[in-house]
Amino acid sequence: MATILVTGCNRGIGLQLCKQLAERGDEVIGVCRNPSDEVQNLPIRIVAGIDVGDAASMPRLKEALGEQHLDVLINNAGILRADKLGELAYDDMVEQFRVNALGPLRVTETLLDNLGEGSKVIIITSRVGSIEDNTSGGFYGYRASKTAVNQIGTNLKHDLLPRGIAVALLHPGLVATDMTGGQGIAPADSARGLIQRIDGLDLQNSGAFWHAEGYVLPW
């Protein structure tokens, strides 16, 4: 049994990760701003009132965890604000950087002492952050925030390697959530693939950018 923390646990992919991990017997800690009825019905511990994009939330998160060891930290929380050239809302772009890029780094640094040799740090990113794979443009803020978090994850790979901690950047696929307007595969299917990638992560493949289906994505 592993102890696993999941941010953005209240809905979508995060909710399904918590559900499936708990069902297989892992000890799950769900972190969110406002817990949904669905997540409160799961047999997990919930740490509410945490905004990963707000530095003021981090002391509360650290206090809630105390010295609890984490085998896996899943940085799943994220936001998407649609935009296009000529109608860009720069405050929305900054907000996406704050949550999608700096959020995983902020949470990981805050909980660094809760991780140890053999622990894993997961960042749920997106293939739209791939520069090579960008064939359509658009979504300036979201794309850039995911490209930034891919760089942050690569940095973490190097910095955490001496501690024996592996890092993975995982694309969940196009998933039918509120964020995507209900388009894509079921969150449960995405979560199953993500859990397989997490289980297969070790120091030898640390730092790779994986699709949930199991293949490596281009940077």
N, C-alpha and C. Protein backbone atom coordinates (compact mmCIF):
# COMPACT_ATOMS: atom_id res chain seq x y z
N MET A 1 0.84 -1.20 0.00
CA MET A 1 0.00 0.00 0.00
C MET A 1 0.87 1.25 0.00
N ALA A 2 0.58 2.16 -0.90
CA ALA A 2 1.33 3.41 -1.01
C ALA A 2 0.50 4.56 -0.47
N THR A 3 1.18 5.59 0.00
CA THR A 3 0.51 6.82 0.41
C THR A 3 0.66 7.82 -0.73
N ILE A 4 -0.47 8.27 -1.28
CA ILE A 4 -0.48 9.08 -2.50
C ILE A 4 -1.30 10.33 -2.28
N LEU A 5 -0.72 11.48 -2.61
CA LEU A 5 -1.44 12.76 -2.53
C LEU A 5 -1.80 13.22 -3.94
N VAL A 6 -3.05 13.64 -4.11
CA VAL A 6 -3.55 14.09 -5.40
C VAL A 6 -4.12 15.49 -5.25
N THR A 7 -3.58 16.47 -5.97
CA THR A 7 -4.17 17.81 -5.98
C THR A 7 -5.29 17.86 -7.02
N GLY A 8 -6.22 18.80 -6.85
CA GLY A 8 -7.34 18.90 -7.77
C GLY A 8 -8.21 17.66 -7.71
N CYS A 9 -8.49 17.19 -6.47
CA CYS A 9 -9.14 15.89 -6.29
C CYS A 9 -10.65 15.94 -6.41
N ASN A 10 -11.24 17.12 -6.51
CA ASN A 10 -12.69 17.23 -6.35
C ASN A 10 -13.51 16.85 -7.57
N ARG A 11 -12.88 16.73 -8.73
CA ARG A 11 -13.66 16.41 -9.93
C ARG A 11 -12.75 15.87 -11.02
N GLY A 12 -13.35 15.43 -12.11
CA GLY A 12 -12.62 15.03 -13.30
C GLY A 12 -11.56 13.96 -13.08
N ILE A 13 -10.39 14.19 -13.64
CA ILE A 13 -9.29 13.23 -13.57
C ILE A 13 -8.86 13.02 -12.12
N GLY A 14 -8.75 14.10 -11.36
CA GLY A 14 -8.31 13.98 -9.97
C GLY A 14 -9.24 13.11 -9.16
N LEU A 15 -10.53 13.29 -9.35
CA LEU A 15 -11.52 12.48 -8.65
C LEU A 15 -11.37 11.01 -9.00
N GLN A 16 -11.17 10.72 -10.28
CA GLN A 16 -11.03 9.32 -10.71
C GLN A 16 -9.72 8.72 -10.23
N LEU A 17 -8.66 9.51 -10.20
CA LEU A 17 -7.40 8.99 -9.65
C LEU A 17 -7.59 8.59 -8.19
N CYS A 18 -8.24 9.45 -7.42
CA CYS A 18 -8.48 9.15 -6.00
C CYS A 18 -9.33 7.89 -5.86
N LYS A 19 -10.38 7.79 -6.65
CA LYS A 19 -11.29 6.65 -6.57
C LYS A 19 -10.57 5.35 -6.87
N GLN A 20 -9.83 5.32 -7.98
CA GLN A 20 -9.19 4.07 -8.40
C GLN A 20 -8.03 3.70 -7.49
N LEU A 21 -7.29 4.67 -7.02
CA LEU A 21 -6.19 4.38 -6.11
C LEU A 21 -6.70 3.86 -4.77
N ALA A 22 -7.79 4.47 -4.28
CA ALA A 22 -8.37 4.00 -3.02
C ALA A 22 -8.95 2.59 -3.18
N GLU A 23 -9.56 2.31 -4.33
CA GLU A 23 -10.16 1.00 -4.56
C GLU A 23 -9.12 -0.11 -4.54
N ARG A 24 -7.90 0.20 -4.96
CA ARG A 24 -6.88 -0.85 -4.96
C ARG A 24 -6.13 -0.93 -3.64
N GLY A 25 -6.50 -0.08 -2.69
CA GLY A 25 -5.95 -0.19 -1.35
C GLY A 25 -4.91 0.82 -0.95
N ASP A 26 -4.63 1.80 -1.81
CA ASP A 26 -3.67 2.84 -1.45
C ASP A 26 -4.29 3.81 -0.44
N GLU A 27 -3.44 4.42 0.36
CA GLU A 27 -3.87 5.49 1.26
C GLU A 27 -3.82 6.79 0.48
N VAL A 28 -4.95 7.41 0.27
CA VAL A 28 -5.05 8.58 -0.62
C VAL A 28 -5.36 9.83 0.19
N ILE A 29 -4.62 10.89 -0.13
CA ILE A 29 -4.87 12.21 0.44
C ILE A 29 -5.27 13.12 -0.71
N GLY A 30 -6.51 13.59 -0.71
CA GLY A 30 -7.00 14.47 -1.76
C GLY A 30 -6.92 15.92 -1.33
N VAL A 31 -6.37 16.75 -2.19
CA VAL A 31 -6.20 18.18 -1.89
C VAL A 31 -7.01 19.00 -2.90
N CYS A 32 -7.76 19.97 -2.41
CA CYS A 32 -8.57 20.80 -3.29
C CYS A 32 -8.96 22.09 -2.57
N ARG A 33 -9.59 22.99 -3.32
CA ARG A 33 -10.13 24.20 -2.71
C ARG A 33 -11.45 23.90 -2.02
N ASN A 34 -12.39 23.35 -2.78
CA ASN A 34 -13.73 23.05 -2.25
C ASN A 34 -14.10 21.62 -2.61
N PRO A 35 -14.20 20.72 -1.63
CA PRO A 35 -14.51 19.33 -1.95
C PRO A 35 -15.92 19.14 -2.48
N SER A 36 -16.03 18.33 -3.51
CA SER A 36 -17.35 17.99 -4.07
C SER A 36 -17.99 16.89 -3.25
N ASP A 37 -19.30 16.69 -3.46
CA ASP A 37 -19.99 15.60 -2.79
C ASP A 37 -19.36 14.26 -3.18
N GLU A 38 -18.96 14.15 -4.46
CA GLU A 38 -18.41 12.88 -4.94
C GLU A 38 -17.12 12.52 -4.22
N VAL A 39 -16.23 13.47 -4.06
CA VAL A 39 -14.95 13.14 -3.41
C VAL A 39 -15.14 12.91 -1.92
N GLN A 40 -16.10 13.58 -1.32
CA GLN A 40 -16.35 13.37 0.11
C GLN A 40 -16.93 12.00 0.40
N ASN A 41 -17.47 11.34 -0.62
CA ASN A 41 -18.01 10.00 -0.44
C ASN A 41 -16.95 8.91 -0.62
N LEU A 42 -15.73 9.31 -1.00
CA LEU A 42 -14.66 8.33 -1.17
C LEU A 42 -13.97 8.07 0.16
N PRO A 43 -13.40 6.87 0.33
CA PRO A 43 -12.68 6.54 1.57
C PRO A 43 -11.26 7.08 1.57
N ILE A 44 -11.15 8.41 1.50
CA ILE A 44 -9.84 9.05 1.46
C ILE A 44 -9.82 10.20 2.47
N ARG A 45 -8.63 10.68 2.77
CA ARG A 45 -8.48 11.88 3.59
C ARG A 45 -8.51 13.09 2.67
N ILE A 46 -9.24 14.12 3.05
CA ILE A 46 -9.34 15.33 2.23
C ILE A 46 -8.73 16.51 2.98
N VAL A 47 -7.87 17.24 2.28
CA VAL A 47 -7.34 18.50 2.79
C VAL A 47 -7.93 19.60 1.91
N ALA A 48 -8.90 20.32 2.44
CA ALA A 48 -9.62 21.33 1.66
C ALA A 48 -9.07 22.73 1.95
N GLY A 49 -9.52 23.68 1.14
CA GLY A 49 -9.11 25.07 1.32
C GLY A 49 -7.73 25.38 0.80
N ILE A 50 -7.22 24.52 -0.10
CA ILE A 50 -5.87 24.70 -0.64
C ILE A 50 -5.95 25.11 -2.10
N ASP A 51 -5.39 26.26 -2.43
CA ASP A 51 -5.28 26.75 -3.80
C ASP A 51 -3.81 26.64 -4.20
N VAL A 52 -3.50 25.75 -5.12
CA VAL A 52 -2.09 25.52 -5.48
C VAL A 52 -1.46 26.75 -6.13
N GLY A 53 -2.30 27.66 -6.62
CA GLY A 53 -1.78 28.87 -7.23
C GLY A 53 -1.54 29.99 -6.25
N ASP A 54 -1.78 29.75 -4.97
CA ASP A 54 -1.69 30.79 -3.94
C ASP A 54 -0.65 30.37 -2.91
N ALA A 55 0.43 31.13 -2.82
CA ALA A 55 1.50 30.82 -1.86
C ALA A 55 0.99 30.79 -0.43
N ALA A 56 -0.06 31.56 -0.13
CA ALA A 56 -0.59 31.61 1.22
C ALA A 56 -1.20 30.28 1.65
N SER A 57 -1.54 29.41 0.69
CA SER A 57 -2.11 28.10 1.01
C SER A 57 -1.06 27.10 1.45
N MET A 58 0.19 27.35 1.10
CA MET A 58 1.21 26.34 1.30
C MET A 58 1.52 26.05 2.77
N PRO A 59 1.59 27.04 3.66
CA PRO A 59 1.79 26.69 5.08
C PRO A 59 0.67 25.82 5.63
N ARG A 60 -0.58 26.05 5.18
CA ARG A 60 -1.70 25.22 5.63
C ARG A 60 -1.56 23.79 5.13
N LEU A 61 -1.10 23.65 3.88
CA LEU A 61 -0.88 22.32 3.33
C LEU A 61 0.21 21.59 4.11
N LYS A 62 1.31 22.28 4.36
CA LYS A 62 2.41 21.66 5.09
C LYS A 62 1.98 21.29 6.51
N GLU A 63 1.23 22.13 7.15
CA GLU A 63 0.75 21.84 8.50
C GLU A 63 -0.16 20.61 8.50
N ALA A 64 -1.02 20.52 7.48
CA ALA A 64 -1.94 19.39 7.40
C ALA A 64 -1.21 18.07 7.20
N LEU A 65 -0.11 18.11 6.45
CA LEU A 65 0.65 16.89 6.18
C LEU A 65 1.59 16.53 7.32
N GLY A 66 2.10 17.56 8.01
CA GLY A 66 3.05 17.28 9.09
C GLY A 66 4.25 16.52 8.56
N GLU A 67 4.57 15.40 9.21
CA GLU A 67 5.70 14.58 8.79
C GLU A 67 5.26 13.36 7.99
N GLN A 68 4.02 13.37 7.50
CA GLN A 68 3.49 12.25 6.73
C GLN A 68 4.36 11.97 5.50
N HIS A 69 4.86 10.76 5.39
CA HIS A 69 5.66 10.38 4.22
C HIS A 69 4.74 10.16 3.02
N LEU A 70 5.17 10.63 1.86
CA LEU A 70 4.43 10.44 0.62
C LEU A 70 5.24 9.55 -0.32
N ASP A 71 4.60 8.49 -0.79
CA ASP A 71 5.23 7.65 -1.82
C ASP A 71 5.06 8.28 -3.20
N VAL A 72 3.92 8.91 -3.42
CA VAL A 72 3.63 9.54 -4.71
C VAL A 72 2.93 10.87 -4.48
N LEU A 73 3.42 11.90 -5.16
CA LEU A 73 2.78 13.22 -5.18
C LEU A 73 2.29 13.47 -6.60
N ILE A 74 0.98 13.57 -6.77
CA ILE A 74 0.40 13.79 -8.10
C ILE A 74 -0.10 15.23 -8.18
N ASN A 75 0.60 16.04 -8.95
CA ASN A 75 0.21 17.44 -9.18
C ASN A 75 -0.76 17.47 -10.36
N ASN A 76 -2.04 17.42 -10.03
CA ASN A 76 -3.08 17.32 -11.04
C ASN A 76 -3.87 18.61 -11.25
N ALA A 77 -3.95 19.46 -10.24
CA ALA A 77 -4.79 20.67 -10.32
C ALA A 77 -4.36 21.55 -11.49
N GLY A 78 -5.34 22.06 -12.22
CA GLY A 78 -5.03 22.95 -13.35
C GLY A 78 -6.28 23.67 -13.82
N ILE A 79 -6.06 24.69 -14.62
CA ILE A 79 -7.17 25.47 -15.19
C ILE A 79 -6.90 25.72 -16.67
N LEU A 80 -7.97 25.98 -17.41
CA LEU A 80 -7.87 26.32 -18.83
C LEU A 80 -8.74 27.53 -19.11
N ARG A 81 -8.16 28.54 -19.73
CA ARG A 81 -8.89 29.72 -20.17
C ARG A 81 -8.67 29.86 -21.67
N ALA A 82 -9.74 29.69 -22.45
CA ALA A 82 -9.62 29.77 -23.91
C ALA A 82 -9.28 31.20 -24.33
N ASP A 83 -8.45 31.31 -25.37
CA ASP A 83 -8.11 32.64 -25.89
C ASP A 83 -7.69 32.51 -27.36
N LYS A 84 -7.55 33.64 -28.00
CA LYS A 84 -7.05 33.65 -29.38
C LYS A 84 -6.44 35.01 -29.67
N LEU A 85 -5.56 35.04 -30.64
CA LEU A 85 -4.85 36.26 -31.00
C LEU A 85 -5.84 37.35 -31.40
N GLY A 86 -5.64 38.53 -30.85
CA GLY A 86 -6.54 39.65 -31.11
C GLY A 86 -7.54 39.85 -30.00
N GLU A 87 -7.71 38.79 -29.16
CA GLU A 87 -8.66 38.89 -28.05
C GLU A 87 -8.04 38.29 -26.78
N LEU A 88 -6.74 38.50 -26.62
CA LEU A 88 -6.04 37.89 -25.49
C LEU A 88 -6.33 38.64 -24.19
N ALA A 89 -6.59 37.87 -23.14
CA ALA A 89 -6.78 38.42 -21.79
C ALA A 89 -5.53 38.06 -20.99
N TYR A 90 -4.65 39.02 -20.84
CA TYR A 90 -3.34 38.71 -20.25
C TYR A 90 -3.43 38.33 -18.77
N ASP A 91 -4.41 38.84 -18.08
CA ASP A 91 -4.59 38.42 -16.68
C ASP A 91 -4.95 36.94 -16.61
N ASP A 92 -5.74 36.46 -17.56
CA ASP A 92 -6.06 35.04 -17.61
C ASP A 92 -4.82 34.21 -17.89
N MET A 93 -3.94 34.73 -18.75
CA MET A 93 -2.70 34.02 -19.06
C MET A 93 -1.83 33.91 -17.81
N VAL A 94 -1.73 34.99 -17.06
CA VAL A 94 -0.95 34.98 -15.83
C VAL A 94 -1.53 33.98 -14.83
N GLU A 95 -2.87 33.95 -14.74
CA GLU A 95 -3.51 33.02 -13.82
C GLU A 95 -3.19 31.57 -14.18
N GLN A 96 -3.16 31.27 -15.48
CA GLN A 96 -2.84 29.91 -15.90
C GLN A 96 -1.39 29.55 -15.58
N PHE A 97 -0.48 30.50 -15.73
CA PHE A 97 0.91 30.26 -15.32
C PHE A 97 0.98 30.00 -13.82
N ARG A 98 0.25 30.80 -13.06
CA ARG A 98 0.28 30.71 -11.60
C ARG A 98 -0.18 29.33 -11.12
N VAL A 99 -1.24 28.81 -11.75
CA VAL A 99 -1.80 27.53 -11.33
C VAL A 99 -1.11 26.35 -12.03
N ASN A 100 -1.02 26.41 -13.35
CA ASN A 100 -0.57 25.25 -14.13
C ASN A 100 0.94 25.03 -14.09
N ALA A 101 1.70 26.10 -14.04
CA ALA A 101 3.16 25.98 -14.07
C ALA A 101 3.77 26.10 -12.68
N LEU A 102 3.44 27.19 -11.99
CA LEU A 102 4.04 27.39 -10.67
C LEU A 102 3.38 26.54 -9.59
N GLY A 103 2.12 26.17 -9.78
CA GLY A 103 1.43 25.35 -8.79
C GLY A 103 2.14 24.04 -8.47
N PRO A 104 2.46 23.23 -9.49
CA PRO A 104 3.17 21.97 -9.21
C PRO A 104 4.53 22.18 -8.55
N LEU A 105 5.23 23.22 -8.96
CA LEU A 105 6.53 23.51 -8.35
C LEU A 105 6.35 23.93 -6.90
N ARG A 106 5.37 24.79 -6.67
CA ARG A 106 5.11 25.29 -5.31
C ARG A 106 4.74 24.14 -4.36
N VAL A 107 3.86 23.24 -4.81
CA VAL A 107 3.44 22.12 -3.98
C VAL A 107 4.61 21.16 -3.73
N THR A 108 5.36 20.86 -4.78
CA THR A 108 6.49 19.94 -4.64
C THR A 108 7.54 20.49 -3.69
N GLU A 109 7.85 21.76 -3.81
CA GLU A 109 8.85 22.35 -2.91
C GLU A 109 8.33 22.37 -1.47
N THR A 110 7.06 22.68 -1.30
CA THR A 110 6.47 22.71 0.04
C THR A 110 6.54 21.35 0.72
N LEU A 111 6.33 20.30 -0.05
CA LEU A 111 6.27 18.95 0.51
C LEU A 111 7.55 18.15 0.30
N LEU A 112 8.63 18.84 0.01
CA LEU A 112 9.89 18.16 -0.29
C LEU A 112 10.34 17.25 0.85
N ASP A 113 10.17 17.70 2.07
CA ASP A 113 10.58 16.89 3.22
C ASP A 113 9.67 15.70 3.47
N ASN A 114 8.51 15.69 2.81
CA ASN A 114 7.60 14.54 2.94
C ASN A 114 7.93 13.45 1.93
N LEU A 115 8.83 13.77 1.02
CA LEU A 115 9.26 12.81 0.00
C LEU A 115 10.60 12.22 0.42
N GLY A 116 10.90 11.03 -0.06
CA GLY A 116 12.17 10.40 0.26
C GLY A 116 12.61 9.48 -0.85
N GLU A 117 13.68 8.77 -0.62
CA GLU A 117 14.19 7.85 -1.63
C GLU A 117 13.10 6.86 -2.01
N GLY A 118 12.88 6.74 -3.31
CA GLY A 118 11.83 5.86 -3.82
C GLY A 118 10.51 6.55 -4.08
N SER A 119 10.36 7.80 -3.62
CA SER A 119 9.13 8.55 -3.88
C SER A 119 9.06 8.95 -5.36
N LYS A 120 7.86 9.34 -5.78
CA LYS A 120 7.64 9.75 -7.16
C LYS A 120 6.87 11.07 -7.17
N VAL A 121 7.27 11.97 -8.08
CA VAL A 121 6.57 13.24 -8.29
C VAL A 121 5.98 13.22 -9.69
N ILE A 122 4.68 13.40 -9.76
CA ILE A 122 3.95 13.36 -11.04
C ILE A 122 3.39 14.74 -11.34
N ILE A 123 3.55 15.17 -12.57
CA ILE A 123 2.93 16.41 -13.04
C ILE A 123 2.00 16.07 -14.19
N ILE A 124 0.70 16.31 -14.00
CA ILE A 124 -0.25 16.12 -15.09
C ILE A 124 -0.19 17.35 -15.97
N THR A 125 0.41 17.18 -17.13
CA THR A 125 0.63 18.27 -18.06
C THR A 125 -0.29 18.07 -19.27
N SER A 126 0.14 18.48 -20.44
CA SER A 126 -0.67 18.29 -21.64
C SER A 126 0.23 18.31 -22.88
N ARG A 127 -0.16 17.55 -23.88
CA ARG A 127 0.62 17.55 -25.11
C ARG A 127 0.51 18.89 -25.83
N VAL A 128 -0.46 19.73 -25.48
CA VAL A 128 -0.52 21.05 -26.10
C VAL A 128 0.66 21.91 -25.65
N GLY A 129 1.39 21.47 -24.64
CA GLY A 129 2.61 22.16 -24.24
C GLY A 129 3.80 21.79 -25.08
N SER A 130 3.63 20.81 -25.98
CA SER A 130 4.72 20.40 -26.87
C SER A 130 4.88 21.41 -28.00
N ILE A 131 6.06 21.96 -28.15
CA ILE A 131 6.33 22.90 -29.24
C ILE A 131 6.34 22.17 -30.58
N GLU A 132 6.98 21.00 -30.60
CA GLU A 132 7.06 20.24 -31.84
C GLU A 132 5.69 19.77 -32.32
N ASP A 133 4.79 19.48 -31.37
CA ASP A 133 3.49 18.92 -31.70
C ASP A 133 2.43 19.99 -31.97
N ASN A 134 2.81 21.26 -31.87
CA ASN A 134 1.85 22.35 -32.07
C ASN A 134 1.62 22.56 -33.56
N THR A 135 0.51 22.06 -34.06
CA THR A 135 0.19 22.17 -35.48
C THR A 135 -1.03 23.05 -35.75
N SER A 136 -1.60 23.64 -34.67
CA SER A 136 -2.84 24.39 -34.86
C SER A 136 -2.85 25.77 -34.22
N GLY A 137 -1.93 26.05 -33.29
CA GLY A 137 -1.91 27.34 -32.62
C GLY A 137 -3.06 27.49 -31.64
N GLY A 138 -3.32 28.74 -31.25
CA GLY A 138 -4.40 29.01 -30.31
C GLY A 138 -4.04 28.66 -28.88
N PHE A 139 -4.94 28.98 -27.96
CA PHE A 139 -4.77 28.67 -26.54
C PHE A 139 -3.39 29.14 -26.04
N TYR A 140 -3.11 30.40 -26.27
CA TYR A 140 -1.79 30.93 -25.96
C TYR A 140 -1.40 30.73 -24.49
N GLY A 141 -2.28 31.09 -23.59
CA GLY A 141 -1.95 31.00 -22.18
C GLY A 141 -1.83 29.56 -21.71
N TYR A 142 -2.76 28.72 -22.10
CA TYR A 142 -2.75 27.33 -21.66
C TYR A 142 -1.54 26.59 -22.22
N ARG A 143 -1.30 26.75 -23.53
CA ARG A 143 -0.14 26.09 -24.15
C ARG A 143 1.16 26.52 -23.46
N ALA A 144 1.32 27.81 -23.29
CA ALA A 144 2.57 28.32 -22.71
C ALA A 144 2.75 27.86 -21.27
N SER A 145 1.65 27.80 -20.52
CA SER A 145 1.76 27.34 -19.13
C SER A 145 2.17 25.87 -19.06
N LYS A 146 1.71 25.07 -20.00
CA LYS A 146 2.08 23.66 -20.01
C LYS A 146 3.50 23.46 -20.53
N THR A 147 3.93 24.28 -21.48
CA THR A 147 5.33 24.23 -21.90
C THR A 147 6.23 24.58 -20.73
N ALA A 148 5.83 25.59 -19.97
CA ALA A 148 6.61 26.01 -18.80
C ALA A 148 6.69 24.90 -17.76
N VAL A 149 5.59 24.23 -17.48
CA VAL A 149 5.63 23.18 -16.46
C VAL A 149 6.43 21.97 -16.93
N ASN A 150 6.49 21.75 -18.24
CA ASN A 150 7.36 20.69 -18.75
C ASN A 150 8.83 21.00 -18.45
N GLN A 151 9.21 22.26 -18.58
CA GLN A 151 10.57 22.67 -18.24
C GLN A 151 10.80 22.53 -16.73
N ILE A 152 9.81 22.92 -15.95
CA ILE A 152 9.92 22.80 -14.49
C ILE A 152 10.07 21.34 -14.09
N GLY A 153 9.30 20.46 -14.71
CA GLY A 153 9.41 19.04 -14.41
C GLY A 153 10.78 18.48 -14.77
N THR A 154 11.34 18.97 -15.88
CA THR A 154 12.68 18.52 -16.28
C THR A 154 13.72 19.00 -15.27
N ASN A 155 13.58 20.23 -14.79
CA ASN A 155 14.45 20.71 -13.72
C ASN A 155 14.35 19.84 -12.48
N LEU A 156 13.11 19.51 -12.10
CA LEU A 156 12.90 18.68 -10.92
C LEU A 156 13.55 17.30 -11.09
N LYS A 157 13.50 16.77 -12.30
CA LYS A 157 14.15 15.49 -12.54
C LYS A 157 15.61 15.55 -12.12
N HIS A 158 16.31 16.59 -12.54
CA HIS A 158 17.73 16.72 -12.21
C HIS A 158 17.96 16.96 -10.72
N ASP A 159 17.15 17.83 -10.13
CA ASP A 159 17.37 18.18 -8.73
C ASP A 159 16.97 17.07 -7.76
N LEU A 160 16.00 16.25 -8.15
CA LEU A 160 15.52 15.20 -7.25
C LEU A 160 16.23 13.87 -7.45
N LEU A 161 16.96 13.72 -8.54
CA LEU A 161 17.66 12.47 -8.80
C LEU A 161 18.61 12.08 -7.66
N PRO A 162 19.43 13.02 -7.13
CA PRO A 162 20.31 12.64 -6.02
C PRO A 162 19.57 12.18 -4.77
N ARG A 163 18.31 12.56 -4.65
CA ARG A 163 17.50 12.15 -3.50
C ARG A 163 16.80 10.81 -3.74
N GLY A 164 16.97 10.27 -4.95
CA GLY A 164 16.32 9.00 -5.28
C GLY A 164 14.85 9.15 -5.60
N ILE A 165 14.44 10.34 -6.05
CA ILE A 165 13.03 10.63 -6.35
C ILE A 165 12.85 10.75 -7.86
N ALA A 166 11.93 9.99 -8.42
CA ALA A 166 11.66 10.01 -9.86
C ALA A 166 10.54 10.99 -10.19
N VAL A 167 10.58 11.52 -11.41
CA VAL A 167 9.62 12.52 -11.87
C VAL A 167 9.03 12.08 -13.21
N ALA A 168 7.74 12.29 -13.39
CA ALA A 168 7.11 12.02 -14.68
C ALA A 168 6.20 13.17 -15.07
N LEU A 169 6.22 13.49 -16.35
CA LEU A 169 5.30 14.47 -16.94
C LEU A 169 4.30 13.67 -17.78
N LEU A 170 3.03 13.71 -17.39
CA LEU A 170 2.04 12.84 -17.99
C LEU A 170 0.91 13.62 -18.66
N HIS A 171 0.64 13.27 -19.91
CA HIS A 171 -0.50 13.82 -20.64
C HIS A 171 -1.67 12.85 -20.51
N PRO A 172 -2.81 13.30 -19.99
CA PRO A 172 -3.93 12.38 -19.74
C PRO A 172 -4.74 12.01 -20.96
N GLY A 173 -4.47 12.66 -22.10
CA GLY A 173 -5.33 12.51 -23.26
C GLY A 173 -6.38 13.61 -23.26
N LEU A 174 -7.18 13.66 -24.30
CA LEU A 174 -8.32 14.58 -24.32
C LEU A 174 -9.43 13.92 -23.51
N VAL A 175 -9.72 14.50 -22.34
CA VAL A 175 -10.61 13.86 -21.39
C VAL A 175 -11.89 14.68 -21.24
N ALA A 176 -13.01 14.00 -21.19
CA ALA A 176 -14.32 14.65 -21.08
C ALA A 176 -14.53 15.17 -19.66
N THR A 177 -14.13 16.41 -19.43
CA THR A 177 -14.30 17.06 -18.13
C THR A 177 -14.92 18.44 -18.35
N ASP A 178 -15.17 19.14 -17.26
CA ASP A 178 -15.67 20.51 -17.37
C ASP A 178 -14.69 21.38 -18.14
N MET A 179 -13.39 21.11 -17.97
CA MET A 179 -12.36 21.90 -18.62
C MET A 179 -12.43 21.81 -20.14
N THR A 180 -12.81 20.63 -20.66
CA THR A 180 -12.84 20.43 -22.11
C THR A 180 -14.25 20.52 -22.67
N GLY A 181 -15.20 20.92 -21.84
CA GLY A 181 -16.58 21.01 -22.31
C GLY A 181 -17.21 19.66 -22.59
N GLY A 182 -16.71 18.63 -21.90
CA GLY A 182 -17.28 17.30 -22.06
C GLY A 182 -16.79 16.52 -23.26
N GLN A 183 -15.76 17.02 -23.94
CA GLN A 183 -15.23 16.33 -25.12
C GLN A 183 -14.10 15.39 -24.71
N GLY A 184 -14.07 14.20 -25.29
CA GLY A 184 -12.96 13.30 -25.06
C GLY A 184 -13.35 12.00 -24.40
N ILE A 185 -12.34 11.28 -23.92
CA ILE A 185 -12.56 9.98 -23.30
C ILE A 185 -13.05 10.16 -21.86
N ALA A 186 -13.56 9.11 -21.28
CA ALA A 186 -14.05 9.16 -19.91
C ALA A 186 -12.89 9.36 -18.94
N PRO A 187 -13.07 10.19 -17.91
CA PRO A 187 -12.01 10.37 -16.91
C PRO A 187 -11.51 9.07 -16.31
N ALA A 188 -12.41 8.10 -16.14
CA ALA A 188 -12.01 6.82 -15.56
C ALA A 188 -10.99 6.11 -16.45
N ASP A 189 -11.17 6.19 -17.77
CA ASP A 189 -10.23 5.55 -18.69
C ASP A 189 -8.87 6.25 -18.66
N SER A 190 -8.90 7.57 -18.61
CA SER A 190 -7.66 8.33 -18.52
C SER A 190 -6.91 7.99 -17.24
N ALA A 191 -7.64 7.95 -16.13
CA ALA A 191 -7.00 7.68 -14.84
C ALA A 191 -6.34 6.31 -14.82
N ARG A 192 -6.96 5.33 -15.46
CA ARG A 192 -6.36 3.99 -15.50
C ARG A 192 -5.01 4.03 -16.21
N GLY A 193 -4.95 4.75 -17.33
CA GLY A 193 -3.69 4.86 -18.05
C GLY A 193 -2.64 5.61 -17.25
N LEU A 194 -3.05 6.68 -16.59
CA LEU A 194 -2.11 7.45 -15.79
C LEU A 194 -1.53 6.60 -14.65
N ILE A 195 -2.37 5.82 -14.01
CA ILE A 195 -1.90 4.98 -12.91
C ILE A 195 -0.90 3.94 -13.41
N GLN A 196 -1.12 3.42 -14.60
CA GLN A 196 -0.15 2.48 -15.18
C GLN A 196 1.20 3.15 -15.40
N ARG A 197 1.18 4.38 -15.89
CA ARG A 197 2.44 5.10 -16.11
C ARG A 197 3.13 5.40 -14.77
N ILE A 198 2.35 5.75 -13.77
CA ILE A 198 2.92 6.05 -12.45
C ILE A 198 3.56 4.80 -11.85
N ASP A 199 2.87 3.67 -11.98
CA ASP A 199 3.40 2.42 -11.44
C ASP A 199 4.71 2.04 -12.14
N GLY A 200 4.83 2.38 -13.41
CA GLY A 200 6.03 2.03 -14.18
C GLY A 200 7.17 3.02 -14.08
N LEU A 201 6.97 4.10 -13.33
CA LEU A 201 8.01 5.13 -13.21
C LEU A 201 9.12 4.67 -12.27
N ASP A 202 10.37 4.91 -12.69
CA ASP A 202 11.51 4.68 -11.82
C ASP A 202 12.61 5.68 -12.19
N LEU A 203 13.75 5.58 -11.56
CA LEU A 203 14.83 6.54 -11.80
C LEU A 203 15.40 6.42 -13.21
N GLN A 204 15.25 5.25 -13.83
CA GLN A 204 15.79 5.06 -15.18
C GLN A 204 14.98 5.82 -16.23
N ASN A 205 13.67 5.91 -16.05
CA ASN A 205 12.87 6.64 -17.05
C ASN A 205 12.36 7.97 -16.51
N SER A 206 12.94 8.43 -15.41
CA SER A 206 12.54 9.70 -14.81
C SER A 206 12.72 10.86 -15.78
N GLY A 207 11.76 11.77 -15.76
CA GLY A 207 11.85 12.99 -16.56
C GLY A 207 11.22 12.90 -17.93
N ALA A 208 10.70 11.74 -18.31
CA ALA A 208 10.10 11.60 -19.64
C ALA A 208 8.72 12.25 -19.68
N PHE A 209 8.30 12.57 -20.90
CA PHE A 209 7.01 13.20 -21.19
C PHE A 209 6.14 12.13 -21.85
N TRP A 210 5.23 11.54 -21.05
CA TRP A 210 4.47 10.39 -21.50
C TRP A 210 3.00 10.72 -21.80
N HIS A 211 2.46 10.06 -22.80
CA HIS A 211 1.01 9.99 -22.98
C HIS A 211 0.50 8.92 -22.03
N ALA A 212 -0.72 9.10 -21.52
CA ALA A 212 -1.30 8.10 -20.62
C ALA A 212 -1.39 6.72 -21.26
N GLU A 213 -1.43 6.69 -22.59
CA GLU A 213 -1.52 5.40 -23.29
C GLU A 213 -0.19 4.66 -23.33
N GLY A 214 0.91 5.36 -22.95
CA GLY A 214 2.18 4.63 -22.81
C GLY A 214 3.28 4.99 -23.78
N TYR A 215 3.08 5.97 -24.62
CA TYR A 215 4.17 6.35 -25.53
C TYR A 215 4.70 7.74 -25.18
N VAL A 216 5.98 7.95 -25.54
CA VAL A 216 6.66 9.20 -25.23
C VAL A 216 6.25 10.27 -26.23
N LEU A 217 6.00 11.47 -25.72
CA LEU A 217 5.61 12.60 -26.56
C LEU A 217 6.81 13.48 -26.87
N PRO A 218 6.79 14.20 -27.98
CA PRO A 218 7.90 15.10 -28.30
C PRO A 218 7.82 16.38 -27.46
N TRP A 219 8.98 16.98 -27.22
CA TRP A 219 9.02 18.23 -26.48
C TRP A 219 8.59 19.39 -27.37
